[in-house]
């Protein structure tokens, strides 16, 4: 079993699937983890996505009057409604929700410029981080990867996975955010605290 897998309850998946196939609206409570809040939503489902062992629903949120992406494991009490779902063209869904890096790719776009060491480049050169990425192999064997992103949480997690083998060249804000995360992680291993006190 993958440790990062977030299971979805069968009744929820069934309700979402039926709404998609029958072009009906859904009502459910949604827990937004980033703000630790729960809200009631009425959603016209557009498509299901399976990404990194997690299921997501792309839908038109009638509360926000806009397209939104919902993690299915954060959906509670999904109920099929009688009203017909609002139809949104797939190209519009893709244009709004798939523009930037990662699963939460909507919003204002920025360009990340990343430089991977020659060692990491052996793998990264064959990876697609985003359909609109560009790659430049540098004389020392390192690799410059440029890609669009909006929300940086997932990108920062993937950059931390590469540790000392990646440097954020731009933008400055992303570089600073990565530095902050690395400093915060290092604080757990400072010589002064002698390691974790947990037994």
C-alpha atoms as a PDB file:
ATOM      1  CA  UNK A   1       0.000   0.000   0.000  1.00  0.00           C
ATOM      2  CA  UNK A   2       1.333   3.428  -0.940  1.00  0.00           C
ATOM      3  CA  UNK A   3       1.816   5.583   2.171  1.00  0.00           C
ATOM      4  CA  UNK A   4       0.597   8.714   0.359  1.00  0.00           C
ATOM      5  CA  UNK A   5      -2.655   7.133  -0.810  1.00  0.00           C
ATOM      6  CA  UNK A   6      -5.803   8.916   0.423  1.00  0.00           C
ATOM      7  CA  UNK A   7      -8.719   6.481   0.140  1.00  0.00           C
ATOM      8  CA  UNK A   8     -12.170   7.641  -0.952  1.00  0.00           C
ATOM      9  CA  UNK A   9     -15.257   6.124   0.664  1.00  0.00           C
ATOM     10  CA  UNK A  10     -17.213   3.961  -1.786  1.00  0.00           C
ATOM     11  CA  UNK A  11     -20.562   5.829  -1.396  1.00  0.00           C
ATOM     12  CA  UNK A  12     -18.838   9.121  -2.218  1.00  0.00           C
ATOM     13  CA  UNK A  13     -17.155   7.726  -5.326  1.00  0.00           C
ATOM     14  CA  UNK A  14     -20.439   6.179  -6.440  1.00  0.00           C
ATOM     15  CA  UNK A  15     -22.359   9.456  -6.028  1.00  0.00           C
ATOM     16  CA  UNK A  16     -19.729  11.419  -7.933  1.00  0.00           C
ATOM     17  CA  UNK A  17     -19.599   8.848 -10.735  1.00  0.00           C
ATOM     18  CA  UNK A  18     -23.397   8.793 -11.051  1.00  0.00           C
ATOM     19  CA  UNK A  19     -23.514  12.581 -11.166  1.00  0.00           C
ATOM     20  CA  UNK A  20     -20.893  12.664 -13.922  1.00  0.00           C
ATOM     21  CA  UNK A  21     -22.604   9.992 -16.013  1.00  0.00           C
ATOM     22  CA  UNK A  22     -26.106  11.353 -15.463  1.00  0.00           C
ATOM     23  CA  UNK A  23     -25.070  15.038 -15.805  1.00  0.00           C
ATOM     24  CA  UNK A  24     -26.621  15.923 -12.442  1.00  0.00           C
ATOM     25  CA  UNK A  25     -25.499  18.358  -9.773  1.00  0.00           C
ATOM     26  CA  UNK A  26     -23.985  17.260  -6.466  1.00  0.00           C
ATOM     27  CA  UNK A  27     -24.371  18.634  -2.949  1.00  0.00           C
ATOM     28  CA  UNK A  28     -21.660  17.932  -0.372  1.00  0.00           C
ATOM     29  CA  UNK A  29     -19.655  19.341   2.525  1.00  0.00           C
ATOM     30  CA  UNK A  30     -16.030  20.083   1.691  1.00  0.00           C
ATOM     31  CA  UNK A  31     -13.110  20.352   4.089  1.00  0.00           C
ATOM     32  CA  UNK A  32     -10.516  22.840   2.842  1.00  0.00           C
ATOM     33  CA  UNK A  33      -7.358  21.642   4.568  1.00  0.00           C
ATOM     34  CA  UNK A  34      -5.275  24.760   3.912  1.00  0.00           C
ATOM     35  CA  UNK A  35      -7.749  26.865   5.922  1.00  0.00           C
ATOM     36  CA  UNK A  36      -9.106  24.022   8.092  1.00  0.00           C
ATOM     37  CA  UNK A  37     -12.679  25.059   7.222  1.00  0.00           C
ATOM     38  CA  UNK A  38     -15.751  23.167   6.034  1.00  0.00           C
ATOM     39  CA  UNK A  39     -18.358  24.570   3.657  1.00  0.00           C
ATOM     40  CA  UNK A  40     -21.455  23.334   1.835  1.00  0.00           C
ATOM     41  CA  UNK A  41     -21.078  23.149  -1.937  1.00  0.00           C
ATOM     42  CA  UNK A  42     -23.358  22.610  -4.900  1.00  0.00           C
ATOM     43  CA  UNK A  43     -21.249  21.460  -7.828  1.00  0.00           C
ATOM     44  CA  UNK A  44     -21.786  20.576 -11.470  1.00  0.00           C
ATOM     45  CA  UNK A  45     -19.180  17.819 -12.031  1.00  0.00           C
ATOM     46  CA  UNK A  46     -17.064  18.015 -15.203  1.00  0.00           C
ATOM     47  CA  UNK A  47     -14.382  15.293 -14.898  1.00  0.00           C
ATOM     48  CA  UNK A  48     -12.568  12.950 -12.504  1.00  0.00           C
ATOM     49  CA  UNK A  49      -8.773  12.978 -12.226  1.00  0.00           C
ATOM     50  CA  UNK A  50      -6.488  10.391 -10.607  1.00  0.00           C
ATOM     51  CA  UNK A  51      -3.217  12.076  -9.672  1.00  0.00           C
ATOM     52  CA  UNK A  52      -0.473  10.807  -7.372  1.00  0.00           C
ATOM     53  CA  UNK A  53      -2.678   8.135  -5.792  1.00  0.00           C
ATOM     54  CA  UNK A  54      -5.499  10.600  -5.084  1.00  0.00           C
ATOM     55  CA  UNK A  55      -8.850  11.216  -6.809  1.00  0.00           C
ATOM     56  CA  UNK A  56      -9.993  14.756  -7.657  1.00  0.00           C
ATOM     57  CA  UNK A  57     -13.238  16.150  -9.044  1.00  0.00           C
ATOM     58  CA  UNK A  58     -13.189  19.138 -11.381  1.00  0.00           C
ATOM     59  CA  UNK A  59     -16.510  20.929 -11.277  1.00  0.00           C
ATOM     60  CA  UNK A  60     -18.394  24.179 -11.583  1.00  0.00           C
ATOM     61  CA  UNK A  61     -18.908  25.420  -8.016  1.00  0.00           C
ATOM     62  CA  UNK A  62     -22.243  27.239  -7.808  1.00  0.00           C
ATOM     63  CA  UNK A  63     -21.173  28.871  -4.512  1.00  0.00           C
ATOM     64  CA  UNK A  64     -18.140  30.560  -6.106  1.00  0.00           C
ATOM     65  CA  UNK A  65     -19.570  30.713  -9.639  1.00  0.00           C
ATOM     66  CA  UNK A  66     -16.313  29.357 -10.990  1.00  0.00           C
ATOM     67  CA  UNK A  67     -14.420  26.151 -11.758  1.00  0.00           C
ATOM     68  CA  UNK A  68     -12.867  24.413  -8.767  1.00  0.00           C
ATOM     69  CA  UNK A  69     -10.917  21.222  -8.073  1.00  0.00           C
ATOM     70  CA  UNK A  70     -11.979  19.079  -5.104  1.00  0.00           C
ATOM     71  CA  UNK A  71     -10.027  16.252  -3.440  1.00  0.00           C
ATOM     72  CA  UNK A  72     -12.556  13.433  -3.101  1.00  0.00           C
ATOM     73  CA  UNK A  73     -11.208  12.276   0.255  1.00  0.00           C
ATOM     74  CA  UNK A  74     -12.196  15.706   1.652  1.00  0.00           C
ATOM     75  CA  UNK A  75     -15.803  15.388   0.378  1.00  0.00           C
ATOM     76  CA  UNK A  76     -18.473  14.409   2.913  1.00  0.00           C
ATOM     77  CA  UNK A  77     -22.131  13.502   2.389  1.00  0.00           C
ATOM     78  CA  UNK A  78     -22.165  13.672  -1.411  1.00  0.00           C
ATOM     79  CA  UNK A  79     -25.803  13.669  -2.563  1.00  0.00           C
ATOM     80  CA  UNK A  80     -27.144  13.563  -6.110  1.00  0.00           C
ATOM     81  CA  UNK A  81     -29.545  16.433  -6.917  1.00  0.00           C
ATOM     82  CA  UNK A  82     -32.338  16.557  -9.484  1.00  0.00           C
ATOM     83  CA  UNK A  83     -31.046  19.689 -11.221  1.00  0.00           C
ATOM     84  CA  UNK A  84     -29.125  19.213 -14.455  1.00  0.00           C
ATOM     85  CA  UNK A  85     -25.400  19.962 -14.218  1.00  0.00           C
ATOM     86  CA  UNK A  86     -24.008  23.068 -15.875  1.00  0.00           C
ATOM     87  CA  UNK A  87     -21.929  22.022 -18.877  1.00  0.00           C
ATOM     88  CA  UNK A  88     -18.475  23.574 -19.265  1.00  0.00           C
ATOM     89  CA  UNK A  89     -16.358  22.900 -22.361  1.00  0.00           C
ATOM     90  CA  UNK A  90     -13.399  20.615 -21.620  1.00  0.00           C
ATOM     91  CA  UNK A  91     -11.003  23.108 -23.209  1.00  0.00           C
ATOM     92  CA  UNK A  92     -12.194  25.729 -20.684  1.00  0.00           C
ATOM     93  CA  UNK A  93     -11.671  23.315 -17.780  1.00  0.00           C
ATOM     94  CA  UNK A  94      -8.161  22.489 -19.012  1.00  0.00           C
ATOM     95  CA  UNK A  95      -7.294  26.131 -19.699  1.00  0.00           C
ATOM     96  CA  UNK A  96      -8.251  27.212 -16.185  1.00  0.00           C
ATOM     97  CA  UNK A  97      -7.238  24.257 -14.014  1.00  0.00           C
ATOM     98  CA  UNK A  98      -4.288  22.699 -15.862  1.00  0.00           C
ATOM     99  CA  UNK A  99      -2.217  25.766 -16.717  1.00  0.00           C
ATOM    100  CA  UNK A 100       0.347  25.625 -13.929  1.00  0.00           C
ATOM    101  CA  UNK A 101       2.441  22.993 -12.201  1.00  0.00           C
ATOM    102  CA  UNK A 102       0.788  20.249 -10.167  1.00  0.00           C
ATOM    103  CA  UNK A 103      -2.763  19.403  -9.266  1.00  0.00           C
ATOM    104  CA  UNK A 104      -3.708  22.946  -8.217  1.00  0.00           C
ATOM    105  CA  UNK A 105      -2.612  24.635 -11.415  1.00  0.00           C
ATOM    106  CA  UNK A 106      -5.126  27.479 -11.730  1.00  0.00           C
ATOM    107  CA  UNK A 107      -4.615  31.143 -10.873  1.00  0.00           C
ATOM    108  CA  UNK A 108      -1.987  33.681 -11.880  1.00  0.00           C
ATOM    109  CA  UNK A 109       0.976  32.076 -13.623  1.00  0.00           C
ATOM    110  CA  UNK A 110       4.654  32.534 -12.813  1.00  0.00           C
ATOM    111  CA  UNK A 111       7.706  31.004 -14.477  1.00  0.00           C
ATOM    112  CA  UNK A 112       9.976  28.851 -12.322  1.00  0.00           C
ATOM    113  CA  UNK A 113      13.580  28.577 -13.507  1.00  0.00           C
ATOM    114  CA  UNK A 114      15.269  25.585 -11.876  1.00  0.00           C
ATOM    115  CA  UNK A 115      18.863  24.412 -12.220  1.00  0.00           C
ATOM    116  CA  UNK A 116      19.529  20.732 -11.514  1.00  0.00           C
ATOM    117  CA  UNK A 117      22.997  19.354 -10.857  1.00  0.00           C
ATOM    118  CA  UNK A 118      24.651  17.136 -13.456  1.00  0.00           C
ATOM    119  CA  UNK A 119      23.843  14.120 -11.276  1.00  0.00           C
ATOM    120  CA  UNK A 120      20.132  14.950 -11.003  1.00  0.00           C
ATOM    121  CA  UNK A 121      19.981  15.949 -14.669  1.00  0.00           C
ATOM    122  CA  UNK A 122      20.442  12.317 -15.692  1.00  0.00           C
ATOM    123  CA  UNK A 123      16.913  11.672 -14.429  1.00  0.00           C
ATOM    124  CA  UNK A 124      15.223  15.071 -14.792  1.00  0.00           C
ATOM    125  CA  UNK A 125      16.189  15.329 -18.470  1.00  0.00           C
ATOM    126  CA  UNK A 126      13.700  12.539 -19.194  1.00  0.00           C
ATOM    127  CA  UNK A 127      10.911  13.795 -16.903  1.00  0.00           C
ATOM    128  CA  UNK A 128       7.932  15.916 -17.873  1.00  0.00           C
ATOM    129  CA  UNK A 129       7.129  18.276 -15.043  1.00  0.00           C
ATOM    130  CA  UNK A 130       4.698  20.254 -17.218  1.00  0.00           C
ATOM    131  CA  UNK A 131       3.561  20.054 -20.865  1.00  0.00           C
ATOM    132  CA  UNK A 132       4.865  23.597 -21.514  1.00  0.00           C
ATOM    133  CA  UNK A 133       8.252  23.179 -19.879  1.00  0.00           C
ATOM    134  CA  UNK A 134      11.547  23.987 -21.592  1.00  0.00           C
ATOM    135  CA  UNK A 135      14.889  22.253 -20.941  1.00  0.00           C
ATOM    136  CA  UNK A 136      18.417  23.520 -21.504  1.00  0.00           C
ATOM    137  CA  UNK A 137      21.450  21.266 -21.016  1.00  0.00           C
ATOM    138  CA  UNK A 138      24.350  23.401 -19.760  1.00  0.00           C
ATOM    139  CA  UNK A 139      28.073  22.913 -20.524  1.00  0.00           C
ATOM    140  CA  UNK A 140      28.842  21.537 -17.038  1.00  0.00           C
ATOM    141  CA  UNK A 141      26.181  18.818 -17.436  1.00  0.00           C
ATOM    142  CA  UNK A 142      23.603  20.564 -15.282  1.00  0.00           C
ATOM    143  CA  UNK A 143      20.082  21.174 -16.573  1.00  0.00           C
ATOM    144  CA  UNK A 144      17.985  24.333 -16.562  1.00  0.00           C
ATOM    145  CA  UNK A 145      14.249  23.566 -16.424  1.00  0.00           C
ATOM    146  CA  UNK A 146      11.682  26.330 -16.914  1.00  0.00           C
ATOM    147  CA  UNK A 147       7.994  25.729 -16.250  1.00  0.00           C
ATOM    148  CA  UNK A 148       4.791  27.606 -15.362  1.00  0.00           C
ATOM    149  CA  UNK A 149       3.298  27.415 -11.873  1.00  0.00           C
ATOM    150  CA  UNK A 150       0.703  29.267  -9.846  1.00  0.00           C
ATOM    151  CA  UNK A 151       0.205  27.735  -6.389  1.00  0.00           C
ATOM    152  CA  UNK A 152       3.692  26.761  -5.199  1.00  0.00           C
ATOM    153  CA  UNK A 153       3.006  24.173  -2.455  1.00  0.00           C
ATOM    154  CA  UNK A 154       3.408  21.074  -4.596  1.00  0.00           C
ATOM    155  CA  UNK A 155       6.356  22.500  -6.518  1.00  0.00           C
ATOM    156  CA  UNK A 156       8.181  23.273  -3.261  1.00  0.00           C
ATOM    157  CA  UNK A 157       7.592  19.717  -2.029  1.00  0.00           C
ATOM    158  CA  UNK A 158       9.102  18.295  -5.210  1.00  0.00           C
ATOM    159  CA  UNK A 159      12.064  20.663  -5.064  1.00  0.00           C
ATOM    160  CA  UNK A 160      12.797  19.643  -1.460  1.00  0.00           C
ATOM    161  CA  UNK A 161      12.858  16.018  -2.616  1.00  0.00           C
ATOM    162  CA  UNK A 162      15.877  16.894  -4.793  1.00  0.00           C
ATOM    163  CA  UNK A 163      17.671  18.534  -1.844  1.00  0.00           C
ATOM    164  CA  UNK A 164      21.115  19.902  -2.775  1.00  0.00           C
ATOM    165  CA  UNK A 165      20.752  18.867  -6.411  1.00  0.00           C
ATOM    166  CA  UNK A 166      18.442  21.738  -7.404  1.00  0.00           C
ATOM    167  CA  UNK A 167      18.648  25.521  -7.211  1.00  0.00           C
ATOM    168  CA  UNK A 168      15.805  27.948  -7.851  1.00  0.00           C
ATOM    169  CA  UNK A 169      17.206  30.640 -10.125  1.00  0.00           C
ATOM    170  CA  UNK A 170      13.922  32.550 -10.450  1.00  0.00           C
ATOM    171  CA  UNK A 171      11.619  34.009  -9.346  1.00  0.00           C
ATOM    172  CA  UNK A 172      13.079  35.439  -6.152  1.00  0.00           C
ATOM    173  CA  UNK A 173       9.867  34.778  -4.243  1.00  0.00           C
ATOM    174  CA  UNK A 174       9.995  31.038  -4.989  1.00  0.00           C
ATOM    175  CA  UNK A 175      13.692  30.930  -4.073  1.00  0.00           C
ATOM    176  CA  UNK A 176      12.954  32.617  -0.735  1.00  0.00           C
ATOM    177  CA  UNK A 177      10.035  30.276  -0.010  1.00  0.00           C
ATOM    178  CA  UNK A 178      12.262  27.261  -0.597  1.00  0.00           C
ATOM    179  CA  UNK A 179      14.973  28.726   1.635  1.00  0.00           C
ATOM    180  CA  UNK A 180      12.403  29.235   4.415  1.00  0.00           C
ATOM    181  CA  UNK A 181      11.250  25.615   4.193  1.00  0.00           C
ATOM    182  CA  UNK A 182      14.796  24.283   4.215  1.00  0.00           C
ATOM    183  CA  UNK A 183      15.688  26.417   7.248  1.00  0.00           C
ATOM    184  CA  UNK A 184      12.543  25.243   9.071  1.00  0.00           C
ATOM    185  CA  UNK A 185      13.389  21.604   8.317  1.00  0.00           C
ATOM    186  CA  UNK A 186      16.984  22.080   9.492  1.00  0.00           C
ATOM    187  CA  UNK A 187      15.782  23.462  12.840  1.00  0.00           C
ATOM    188  CA  UNK A 188      14.567  19.960  13.718  1.00  0.00           C
ATOM    189  CA  UNK A 189      18.172  18.777  13.512  1.00  0.00           C
ATOM    190  CA  UNK A 190      20.005  21.618  15.231  1.00  0.00           C
ATOM    191  CA  UNK A 191      22.843  20.492  17.569  1.00  0.00           C
ATOM    192  CA  UNK A 192      21.356  22.499  20.454  1.00  0.00           C
ATOM    193  CA  UNK A 193      18.217  20.404  20.842  1.00  0.00           C
ATOM    194  CA  UNK A 194      20.036  17.055  20.745  1.00  0.00           C
ATOM    195  CA  UNK A 195      17.448  15.498  18.491  1.00  0.00           C
ATOM    196  CA  UNK A 196      13.847  14.528  19.149  1.00  0.00           C
ATOM    197  CA  UNK A 197      12.747  13.948  22.730  1.00  0.00           C
ATOM    198  CA  UNK A 198      10.017  11.535  21.644  1.00  0.00           C
ATOM    199  CA  UNK A 199      10.360   8.026  23.098  1.00  0.00           C
END
